[in-house]
């Protein structure tokens, strides 16, 4: 674009009257020349205020593409810190920023990509008592978390504020994303509670990456899809029929599109008789989102717990017979690293049939962090009262921390 003034009356605006700077015209030119986008669409992006809750696997691609597209104000909300295990999928963070607050790290990354935007880093947790105060001045909410409580909280807040929520999830090799709440062409969208009135427990859908694992590319693809939904909302090109996008890395087709149902009349958040309380903490999220009690109740007195150092002493001794040491992690995790002298029997196998545990008068259960092992020990202690049953407090993480720092933790 020439720096000289226009030669005709077709556009007599000066640089001060233009909605973009000359640098922004060049930066965003490749998207502005698309049909139905143009300068008005770019101006809407520049005026938009978007809150992205979570700067992890989903949040990173969302933030990267919103910043690149020129969304004017982006609030980044995350109270967690960057860890080495994040970096295979949380691509805005770097090895040098391990230990830094994720919101601050993401802010540095997107400011480096686009210094024209206003990126705000908020390291405060989004809680029922603080959500409305922190998020009330935004046009769109983006849920990039992996906690049911936060999902339902953000959905209720979007209903209360009358703004859309873009929410996504990814685990293992699958993911999904959709737009909830707000209006489309004068018609109200279903909120998150309309489609998911109850937290689904026991299906694996509520797992977290730390426990179940995830392909980095899956969260990337879901996050990019979510960013696309945000941009469509801002420039007024959202889908007239709300759609749920389902991704499976091994699927054919890779992405399936499902039409979403309309708002539920009996929805407790947006239904005909629904009344959201003045204070969202009165919705009782902790109780609503809590998982069902384990089928094996933990009786602390019935299970003898040992320290990681005690396990090390057992592994070093040549005395016979030694306890049967059972590592309850999945087979794939046992294959990553294991302690010599242990036997792998996965937790699910043990709970489905205690006969999978070989007969022994002394059994020690071991797992990654000391949770599954305690449940397995409790189950065996109930059915084999003559067997000495123990488990390792803190599991292999404690073993690496207290006994052998060279033992790999993943």
Protein backbone atom coordinates (compact mmCIF):
# COMPACT_ATOMS: atom_id res chain seq x y z
CA UNK A 1 0.00 0.00 0.00
CA UNK A 2 1.42 3.36 -1.00
CA UNK A 3 2.15 5.91 1.69
CA UNK A 4 0.92 8.67 -0.62
CA UNK A 5 -2.59 9.97 -0.24
CA UNK A 6 -5.42 8.61 -2.41
CA UNK A 7 -5.75 10.11 -5.87
CA UNK A 8 -9.56 10.00 -5.94
CA UNK A 9 -12.52 10.46 -3.66
CA UNK A 10 -13.10 6.68 -3.42
CA UNK A 11 -11.30 6.51 -0.07
CA UNK A 12 -10.28 9.79 1.47
CA UNK A 13 -9.57 8.35 4.94
CA UNK A 14 -6.26 9.13 6.58
CA UNK A 15 -4.06 6.68 8.48
CA UNK A 16 -5.54 8.03 11.73
CA UNK A 17 -9.06 7.16 10.54
CA UNK A 18 -8.22 3.67 9.37
CA UNK A 19 -9.07 0.85 11.82
CA UNK A 20 -5.65 -0.77 11.31
CA UNK A 21 -2.09 0.43 11.19
CA UNK A 22 -0.11 0.07 7.99
CA UNK A 23 1.83 -2.79 9.62
CA UNK A 24 -1.44 -4.55 10.46
CA UNK A 25 -2.70 -4.25 6.88
CA UNK A 26 0.39 -6.17 5.79
CA UNK A 27 0.32 -8.61 8.72
CA UNK A 28 -3.32 -9.65 8.24
CA UNK A 29 -3.59 -9.19 4.48
CA UNK A 30 -3.73 -12.89 3.61
CA UNK A 31 -6.89 -13.40 5.66
CA UNK A 32 -8.53 -10.04 4.85
CA UNK A 33 -8.56 -10.81 1.11
CA UNK A 34 -10.74 -13.86 1.67
CA UNK A 35 -14.39 -13.51 0.61
CA UNK A 36 -16.73 -12.47 3.45
CA UNK A 37 -13.78 -11.48 5.68
CA UNK A 38 -12.35 -8.18 4.50
CA UNK A 39 -11.48 -5.14 6.55
CA UNK A 40 -14.72 -5.27 8.62
CA UNK A 41 -13.87 -8.77 9.81
CA UNK A 42 -10.35 -7.75 10.80
CA UNK A 43 -11.68 -4.71 12.64
CA UNK A 44 -14.05 -6.97 14.62
CA UNK A 45 -11.12 -9.20 15.59
CA UNK A 46 -9.16 -6.18 16.77
CA UNK A 47 -12.06 -5.01 18.98
CA UNK A 48 -12.79 -8.47 20.41
CA UNK A 49 -12.03 -9.52 23.97
CA UNK A 50 -11.58 -13.27 24.45
CA UNK A 51 -10.88 -15.11 27.71
CA UNK A 52 -8.91 -18.36 27.32
CA UNK A 53 -9.06 -20.45 30.48
CA UNK A 54 -6.13 -22.87 30.49
CA UNK A 55 -2.77 -22.40 28.77
CA UNK A 56 -1.99 -26.09 28.40
CA UNK A 57 -2.38 -28.53 25.53
CA UNK A 58 -5.60 -27.01 24.17
CA UNK A 59 -4.88 -23.46 25.25
CA UNK A 60 -1.55 -23.22 23.44
CA UNK A 61 -2.87 -23.66 19.87
CA UNK A 62 -5.97 -21.60 20.69
CA UNK A 63 -3.81 -18.73 21.95
CA UNK A 64 -1.32 -19.02 19.10
CA UNK A 65 -3.93 -18.78 16.36
CA UNK A 66 -6.07 -16.11 18.04
CA UNK A 67 -2.96 -13.98 18.52
CA UNK A 68 -1.84 -14.60 14.95
CA UNK A 69 -5.29 -13.67 13.62
CA UNK A 70 -5.21 -10.36 15.51
CA UNK A 71 -7.74 -10.75 18.33
CA UNK A 72 -7.30 -7.45 20.14
CA UNK A 73 -7.49 -8.49 23.79
CA UNK A 74 -6.76 -12.01 25.00
CA UNK A 75 -7.03 -12.90 28.67
CA UNK A 76 -4.89 -15.92 29.56
CA UNK A 77 -6.00 -17.62 32.77
CA UNK A 78 -3.85 -20.36 34.31
CA UNK A 79 -2.44 -20.77 37.83
CA UNK A 80 -0.30 -23.82 36.98
CA UNK A 81 3.41 -23.83 36.11
CA UNK A 82 5.25 -25.21 33.09
CA UNK A 83 6.76 -28.65 33.61
CA UNK A 84 9.02 -30.72 31.39
CA UNK A 85 6.26 -33.29 30.82
CA UNK A 86 4.06 -30.55 29.27
CA UNK A 87 6.34 -29.71 26.38
CA UNK A 88 5.46 -32.49 23.94
CA UNK A 89 2.02 -30.94 23.49
CA UNK A 90 2.01 -27.45 25.07
CA UNK A 91 3.88 -25.86 22.24
CA UNK A 92 3.94 -22.22 23.37
CA UNK A 93 6.14 -23.09 26.35
CA UNK A 94 9.87 -23.78 26.18
CA UNK A 95 12.48 -25.73 28.09
CA UNK A 96 13.91 -22.46 29.40
CA UNK A 97 10.53 -21.52 30.89
CA UNK A 98 10.01 -24.72 32.90
CA UNK A 99 8.82 -23.60 36.35
CA UNK A 100 7.30 -20.35 35.04
CA UNK A 101 3.59 -19.66 35.43
CA UNK A 102 1.83 -20.93 32.29
CA UNK A 103 -0.21 -17.78 31.74
CA UNK A 104 2.95 -15.66 31.84
CA UNK A 105 4.86 -18.08 29.59
CA UNK A 106 2.03 -18.08 27.03
CA UNK A 107 1.85 -14.28 27.21
CA UNK A 108 5.54 -14.04 26.32
CA UNK A 109 5.06 -16.41 23.39
CA UNK A 110 2.07 -14.72 21.78
CA UNK A 111 3.47 -11.23 22.34
CA UNK A 112 6.58 -12.37 20.45
CA UNK A 113 4.30 -13.60 17.65
CA UNK A 114 2.15 -10.47 17.55
CA UNK A 115 3.12 -7.38 19.58
CA UNK A 116 -0.01 -5.54 18.39
CA UNK A 117 -2.40 -7.45 20.63
CA UNK A 118 -3.14 -6.89 24.31
CA UNK A 119 -2.26 -10.20 26.00
CA UNK A 120 -3.15 -10.34 29.70
CA UNK A 121 -1.64 -13.02 31.94
CA UNK A 122 -3.78 -13.88 34.99
CA UNK A 123 -2.26 -16.51 37.27
CA UNK A 124 -5.32 -16.67 39.53
CA UNK A 125 -7.41 -19.85 39.56
CA UNK A 126 -10.94 -19.66 38.13
CA UNK A 127 -13.20 -20.57 41.08
CA UNK A 128 -16.95 -20.29 41.66
CA UNK A 129 -16.21 -17.39 44.01
CA UNK A 130 -14.00 -15.49 41.54
CA UNK A 131 -15.12 -16.47 38.02
CA UNK A 132 -17.65 -13.72 37.41
CA UNK A 133 -15.37 -10.96 38.66
CA UNK A 134 -12.46 -12.18 36.51
CA UNK A 135 -14.36 -12.94 33.31
CA UNK A 136 -17.27 -10.52 33.13
CA UNK A 137 -15.65 -8.08 30.68
CA UNK A 138 -15.02 -10.59 27.86
CA UNK A 139 -17.07 -11.28 24.73
CA UNK A 140 -16.30 -15.01 24.44
CA UNK A 141 -15.17 -17.64 26.94
CA UNK A 142 -12.88 -20.47 25.81
CA UNK A 143 -12.65 -23.58 28.00
CA UNK A 144 -9.25 -25.23 27.56
CA UNK A 145 -9.24 -27.04 30.91
CA UNK A 146 -9.53 -30.69 31.86
CA UNK A 147 -11.59 -30.29 35.06
CA UNK A 148 -15.37 -31.02 35.08
CA UNK A 149 -15.89 -28.39 37.78
CA UNK A 150 -14.40 -25.64 35.60
CA UNK A 151 -16.31 -26.78 32.52
CA UNK A 152 -19.68 -26.51 34.25
CA UNK A 153 -18.69 -23.29 35.99
CA UNK A 154 -17.73 -21.62 32.69
CA UNK A 155 -20.92 -22.86 31.05
CA UNK A 156 -23.06 -21.43 33.85
CA UNK A 157 -21.17 -18.14 33.63
CA UNK A 158 -21.68 -17.96 29.86
CA UNK A 159 -25.41 -18.39 30.46
CA UNK A 160 -25.40 -15.73 33.16
CA UNK A 161 -23.45 -13.26 31.01
CA UNK A 162 -25.27 -14.16 27.78
CA UNK A 163 -22.05 -14.83 25.85
CA UNK A 164 -20.89 -17.95 23.95
CA UNK A 165 -18.57 -20.59 25.34
CA UNK A 166 -16.19 -22.54 23.09
CA UNK A 167 -15.30 -25.74 24.89
CA UNK A 168 -13.07 -28.64 23.87
CA UNK A 169 -11.53 -31.78 25.29
CA UNK A 170 -8.82 -34.20 24.22
CA UNK A 171 -7.48 -37.41 25.70
CA UNK A 172 -5.48 -40.29 24.26
CA UNK A 173 -6.16 -40.24 20.48
CA UNK A 174 -9.60 -38.59 20.55
CA UNK A 175 -11.11 -35.18 21.12
CA UNK A 176 -14.12 -32.96 20.59
CA UNK A 177 -15.11 -29.29 20.46
CA UNK A 178 -18.25 -27.19 20.10
CA UNK A 179 -19.83 -23.81 20.79
CA UNK A 180 -22.31 -23.60 23.67
CA UNK A 181 -24.54 -20.80 24.97
CA UNK A 182 -25.19 -17.37 23.53
CA UNK A 183 -27.35 -16.77 20.47
CA UNK A 184 -26.97 -17.67 16.81
CA UNK A 185 -29.15 -15.84 14.30
CA UNK A 186 -31.55 -14.86 17.10
CA UNK A 187 -31.90 -18.43 18.42
CA UNK A 188 -30.46 -19.57 21.74
CA UNK A 189 -27.80 -22.28 21.70
CA UNK A 190 -27.81 -25.16 24.14
CA UNK A 191 -25.47 -24.68 27.08
CA UNK A 192 -22.95 -27.31 28.15
CA UNK A 193 -25.35 -28.63 30.80
CA UNK A 194 -28.06 -29.12 28.17
CA UNK A 195 -25.94 -31.72 26.39
CA UNK A 196 -24.13 -33.08 29.42
CA UNK A 197 -26.55 -32.73 32.38
CA UNK A 198 -24.46 -35.14 34.44
CA UNK A 199 -20.75 -35.71 34.76
CA UNK A 200 -19.95 -39.00 33.02
CA UNK A 201 -17.76 -41.05 35.34
CA UNK A 202 -16.15 -44.40 34.65
CA UNK A 203 -16.02 -44.09 30.84
CA UNK A 204 -12.49 -42.79 30.62
CA UNK A 205 -13.77 -39.50 29.19
CA UNK A 206 -12.96 -37.69 32.41
CA UNK A 207 -9.36 -38.88 32.58
CA UNK A 208 -6.45 -36.51 32.53
CA UNK A 209 -3.37 -36.66 30.33
CA UNK A 210 -1.14 -37.48 33.28
CA UNK A 211 -3.04 -40.72 33.88
CA UNK A 212 -4.34 -41.76 30.45
CA UNK A 213 -1.84 -40.17 28.07
CA UNK A 214 -2.45 -38.09 24.96
CA UNK A 215 -1.07 -37.55 21.47
CA UNK A 216 0.34 -34.04 21.20
CA UNK A 217 -1.10 -33.66 17.71
CA UNK A 218 -4.60 -34.47 18.98
CA UNK A 219 -4.73 -31.56 21.42
CA UNK A 220 -3.20 -29.41 18.68
CA UNK A 221 -5.91 -30.31 16.19
CA UNK A 222 -8.70 -29.81 18.71
CA UNK A 223 -7.21 -26.49 19.82
CA UNK A 224 -6.95 -25.24 16.23
CA UNK A 225 -10.59 -26.23 15.69
CA UNK A 226 -11.57 -24.28 18.80
CA UNK A 227 -9.66 -21.23 17.61
CA UNK A 228 -11.53 -21.46 14.31
CA UNK A 229 -14.86 -21.42 16.16
CA UNK A 230 -13.82 -18.30 18.09
CA UNK A 231 -12.82 -16.47 14.92
CA UNK A 232 -16.08 -17.45 13.20
CA UNK A 233 -18.05 -16.11 16.16
CA UNK A 234 -16.19 -12.80 16.10
CA UNK A 235 -16.56 -12.11 12.38
CA UNK A 236 -20.19 -13.29 12.32
CA UNK A 237 -19.72 -16.49 10.33
CA UNK A 238 -20.72 -19.01 12.99
CA UNK A 239 -22.66 -22.14 12.01
CA UNK A 240 -26.43 -21.55 12.00
CA UNK A 241 -26.93 -25.14 13.19
CA UNK A 242 -24.74 -25.73 16.28
CA UNK A 243 -22.38 -28.64 15.63
CA UNK A 244 -20.29 -30.97 17.75
CA UNK A 245 -16.99 -31.95 16.16
CA UNK A 246 -15.59 -35.38 17.06
CA UNK A 247 -11.95 -36.18 16.28
CA UNK A 248 -10.27 -39.58 16.35
CA UNK A 249 -6.70 -39.83 15.15
CA UNK A 250 -7.24 -43.37 13.85
CA UNK A 251 -10.71 -42.75 12.50
CA UNK A 252 -11.97 -42.56 8.94
CA UNK A 253 -13.17 -39.89 8.55
CA UNK A 254 -10.74 -38.16 10.86
CA UNK A 255 -13.39 -35.69 12.06
CA UNK A 256 -17.11 -36.44 12.31
CA UNK A 257 -19.68 -33.66 12.63
CA UNK A 258 -22.82 -34.17 14.70
CA UNK A 259 -25.75 -31.79 14.91
CA UNK A 260 -26.28 -30.66 18.47
CA UNK A 261 -29.66 -30.71 20.15
CA UNK A 262 -31.33 -27.47 21.14
CA UNK A 263 -31.63 -26.12 24.67
CA UNK A 264 -33.31 -28.42 27.19
CA UNK A 265 -36.47 -27.06 28.78
CA UNK A 266 -35.51 -28.70 32.07
CA UNK A 267 -31.89 -27.52 32.09
CA UNK A 268 -30.98 -26.31 35.57
CA UNK A 269 -28.89 -23.48 34.12
CA UNK A 270 -30.80 -22.19 31.08
CA UNK A 271 -34.14 -24.03 31.06
CA UNK A 272 -37.58 -22.49 31.39
CA UNK A 273 -37.64 -22.71 35.18
CA UNK A 274 -33.90 -22.28 35.75
CA UNK A 275 -32.66 -19.50 37.97
CA UNK A 276 -28.92 -19.16 38.37
CA UNK A 277 -28.05 -17.95 41.86
CA UNK A 278 -26.57 -14.51 42.34
CA UNK A 279 -23.39 -16.21 43.54
CA UNK A 280 -22.31 -19.14 41.39
CA UNK A 281 -20.64 -20.91 44.32
CA UNK A 282 -24.17 -21.69 45.50
CA UNK A 283 -24.51 -24.15 42.58
CA UNK A 284 -22.57 -26.77 44.60
CA UNK A 285 -19.97 -27.69 41.98
CA UNK A 286 -17.80 -29.82 44.26
CA UNK A 287 -20.64 -32.19 45.10
CA UNK A 288 -22.02 -32.22 41.54
CA UNK A 289 -18.66 -32.98 39.91
CA UNK A 290 -17.36 -35.43 42.51
CA UNK A 291 -16.77 -38.92 41.17
CA UNK A 292 -18.58 -41.89 42.67
CA UNK A 293 -16.98 -43.54 45.65
CA UNK A 294 -14.62 -46.37 44.76
CA UNK A 295 -16.16 -49.82 44.77
CA UNK A 296 -13.35 -50.68 47.17
CA UNK A 297 -13.57 -48.36 50.16
CA UNK A 298 -10.20 -47.60 51.68
CA UNK A 299 -9.83 -48.70 55.27
CA UNK A 300 -6.54 -47.14 56.30
CA UNK A 301 -6.15 -49.47 59.29
CA UNK A 302 -6.54 -52.62 57.18
CA UNK A 303 -3.68 -51.87 54.80
CA UNK A 304 -0.08 -51.72 55.95
CA UNK A 305 1.80 -49.00 54.10
CA UNK A 306 5.56 -49.00 53.69
CA UNK A 307 8.02 -46.31 52.70
CA UNK A 308 9.91 -46.38 49.42
CA UNK A 309 13.10 -46.96 51.44
CA UNK A 310 11.53 -50.10 52.95
CA UNK A 311 10.88 -51.41 49.45
CA UNK A 312 14.50 -50.72 48.53
CA UNK A 313 15.65 -52.78 51.52
CA UNK A 314 13.46 -55.69 50.40
CA UNK A 315 14.84 -55.53 46.86
CA UNK A 316 18.42 -55.60 48.17
CA UNK A 317 18.01 -58.56 50.51
CA UNK A 318 18.90 -62.09 49.50
CA UNK A 319 16.60 -63.60 52.12
CA UNK A 320 14.04 -66.12 50.91
CA UNK A 321 11.18 -66.24 50.53
CA UNK A 322 10.86 -62.61 49.52
CA UNK A 323 7.48 -60.87 49.31
CA UNK A 324 5.65 -61.00 46.01
CA UNK A 325 6.01 -57.42 44.70
CA UNK A 326 3.25 -56.56 42.24
CA UNK A 327 3.45 -53.45 40.06
CA UNK A 328 -0.16 -52.52 39.23
CA UNK A 329 0.55 -50.11 36.37
CA UNK A 330 -0.70 -50.83 32.83
CA UNK A 331 1.57 -53.04 30.77
CA UNK A 332 2.68 -50.18 28.54
CA UNK A 333 3.85 -48.16 31.57
CA UNK A 334 5.63 -51.17 33.06
CA UNK A 335 7.46 -51.45 29.75
CA UNK A 336 8.69 -47.86 30.05
CA UNK A 337 10.49 -48.51 33.33
CA UNK A 338 10.25 -50.98 36.20
CA UNK A 339 12.08 -52.20 39.27
CA UNK A 340 13.89 -55.56 39.06
CA UNK A 341 12.22 -58.27 41.07
CA UNK A 342 8.69 -56.97 40.49
CA UNK A 343 5.77 -58.66 38.72
CA UNK A 344 3.37 -56.70 36.52
CA UNK A 345 -0.34 -57.35 37.06
CA UNK A 346 -2.39 -54.33 35.90
CA UNK A 347 -4.78 -52.72 38.35
CA UNK A 348 -7.89 -53.38 36.23
CA UNK A 349 -6.97 -57.06 36.01
CA UNK A 350 -6.62 -57.29 39.79
CA UNK A 351 -9.96 -55.64 40.50
CA UNK A 352 -11.81 -57.75 37.93
CA UNK A 353 -10.39 -60.98 39.36
CA UNK A 354 -8.29 -61.29 42.49
CA UNK A 355 -7.43 -64.80 41.32
CA UNK A 356 -4.94 -63.05 39.01
CA UNK A 357 -2.74 -62.50 42.08
CA UNK A 358 -0.54 -65.60 42.61
CA UNK A 359 -0.88 -67.25 46.04
CA UNK A 360 1.59 -65.81 48.54
CA UNK A 361 1.81 -65.22 52.27
CA UNK A 362 3.36 -61.77 51.77
CA UNK A 363 2.31 -59.38 48.99
CA UNK A 364 3.50 -55.83 48.31
CA UNK A 365 1.61 -53.66 45.83
CA UNK A 366 3.34 -50.87 43.93
CA UNK A 367 2.08 -48.29 41.44
CA UNK A 368 3.07 -44.92 40.07
CA UNK A 369 1.92 -42.65 42.90
CA UNK A 370 0.56 -44.97 45.57
CA UNK A 371 -3.16 -44.69 44.82
CA UNK A 372 -4.06 -47.78 42.77
CA UNK A 373 -1.72 -49.90 44.87
CA UNK A 374 -3.59 -48.99 48.03
CA UNK A 375 -6.95 -49.94 46.50
CA UNK A 376 -5.52 -53.25 45.25
CA UNK A 377 -4.03 -53.98 48.66
CA UNK A 378 -7.36 -53.26 50.35
CA UNK A 379 -9.19 -55.62 47.99
CA UNK A 380 -6.77 -58.50 48.58
CA UNK A 381 -6.67 -57.94 52.34
CA UNK A 382 -10.44 -58.36 52.52
CA UNK A 383 -10.44 -61.71 50.72
CA UNK A 384 -7.15 -63.13 52.08
CA UNK A 385 -6.98 -62.29 55.80
CA UNK A 386 -4.09 -64.72 56.33
CA UNK A 387 -1.91 -62.91 53.78
CA UNK A 388 0.29 -60.03 54.82
CA UNK A 389 -0.67 -57.27 52.37
CA UNK A 390 1.23 -54.00 52.04
CA UNK A 391 1.61 -51.19 49.55
CA UNK A 392 4.23 -48.52 48.91
CA UNK A 393 3.26 -45.02 49.98
CA UNK A 394 3.93 -42.57 47.15
CA UNK A 395 4.76 -45.37 44.70
CA UNK A 396 7.52 -45.10 42.12
CA UNK A 397 7.51 -41.31 42.31
CA UNK A 398 8.53 -41.58 45.97
CA UNK A 399 11.07 -44.28 45.09
CA UNK A 400 12.73 -41.94 42.58
CA UNK A 401 12.66 -39.04 45.02
CA UNK A 402 13.80 -40.87 48.16
CA UNK A 403 15.88 -43.83 46.96
CA UNK A 404 17.14 -43.63 43.39
CA UNK A 405 17.04 -40.27 41.57
CA UNK A 406 18.16 -42.03 38.38
CA UNK A 407 14.91 -44.01 38.22
CA UNK A 408 12.90 -42.37 35.40
CA UNK A 409 9.65 -40.59 36.14
CA UNK A 410 7.33 -39.90 33.21
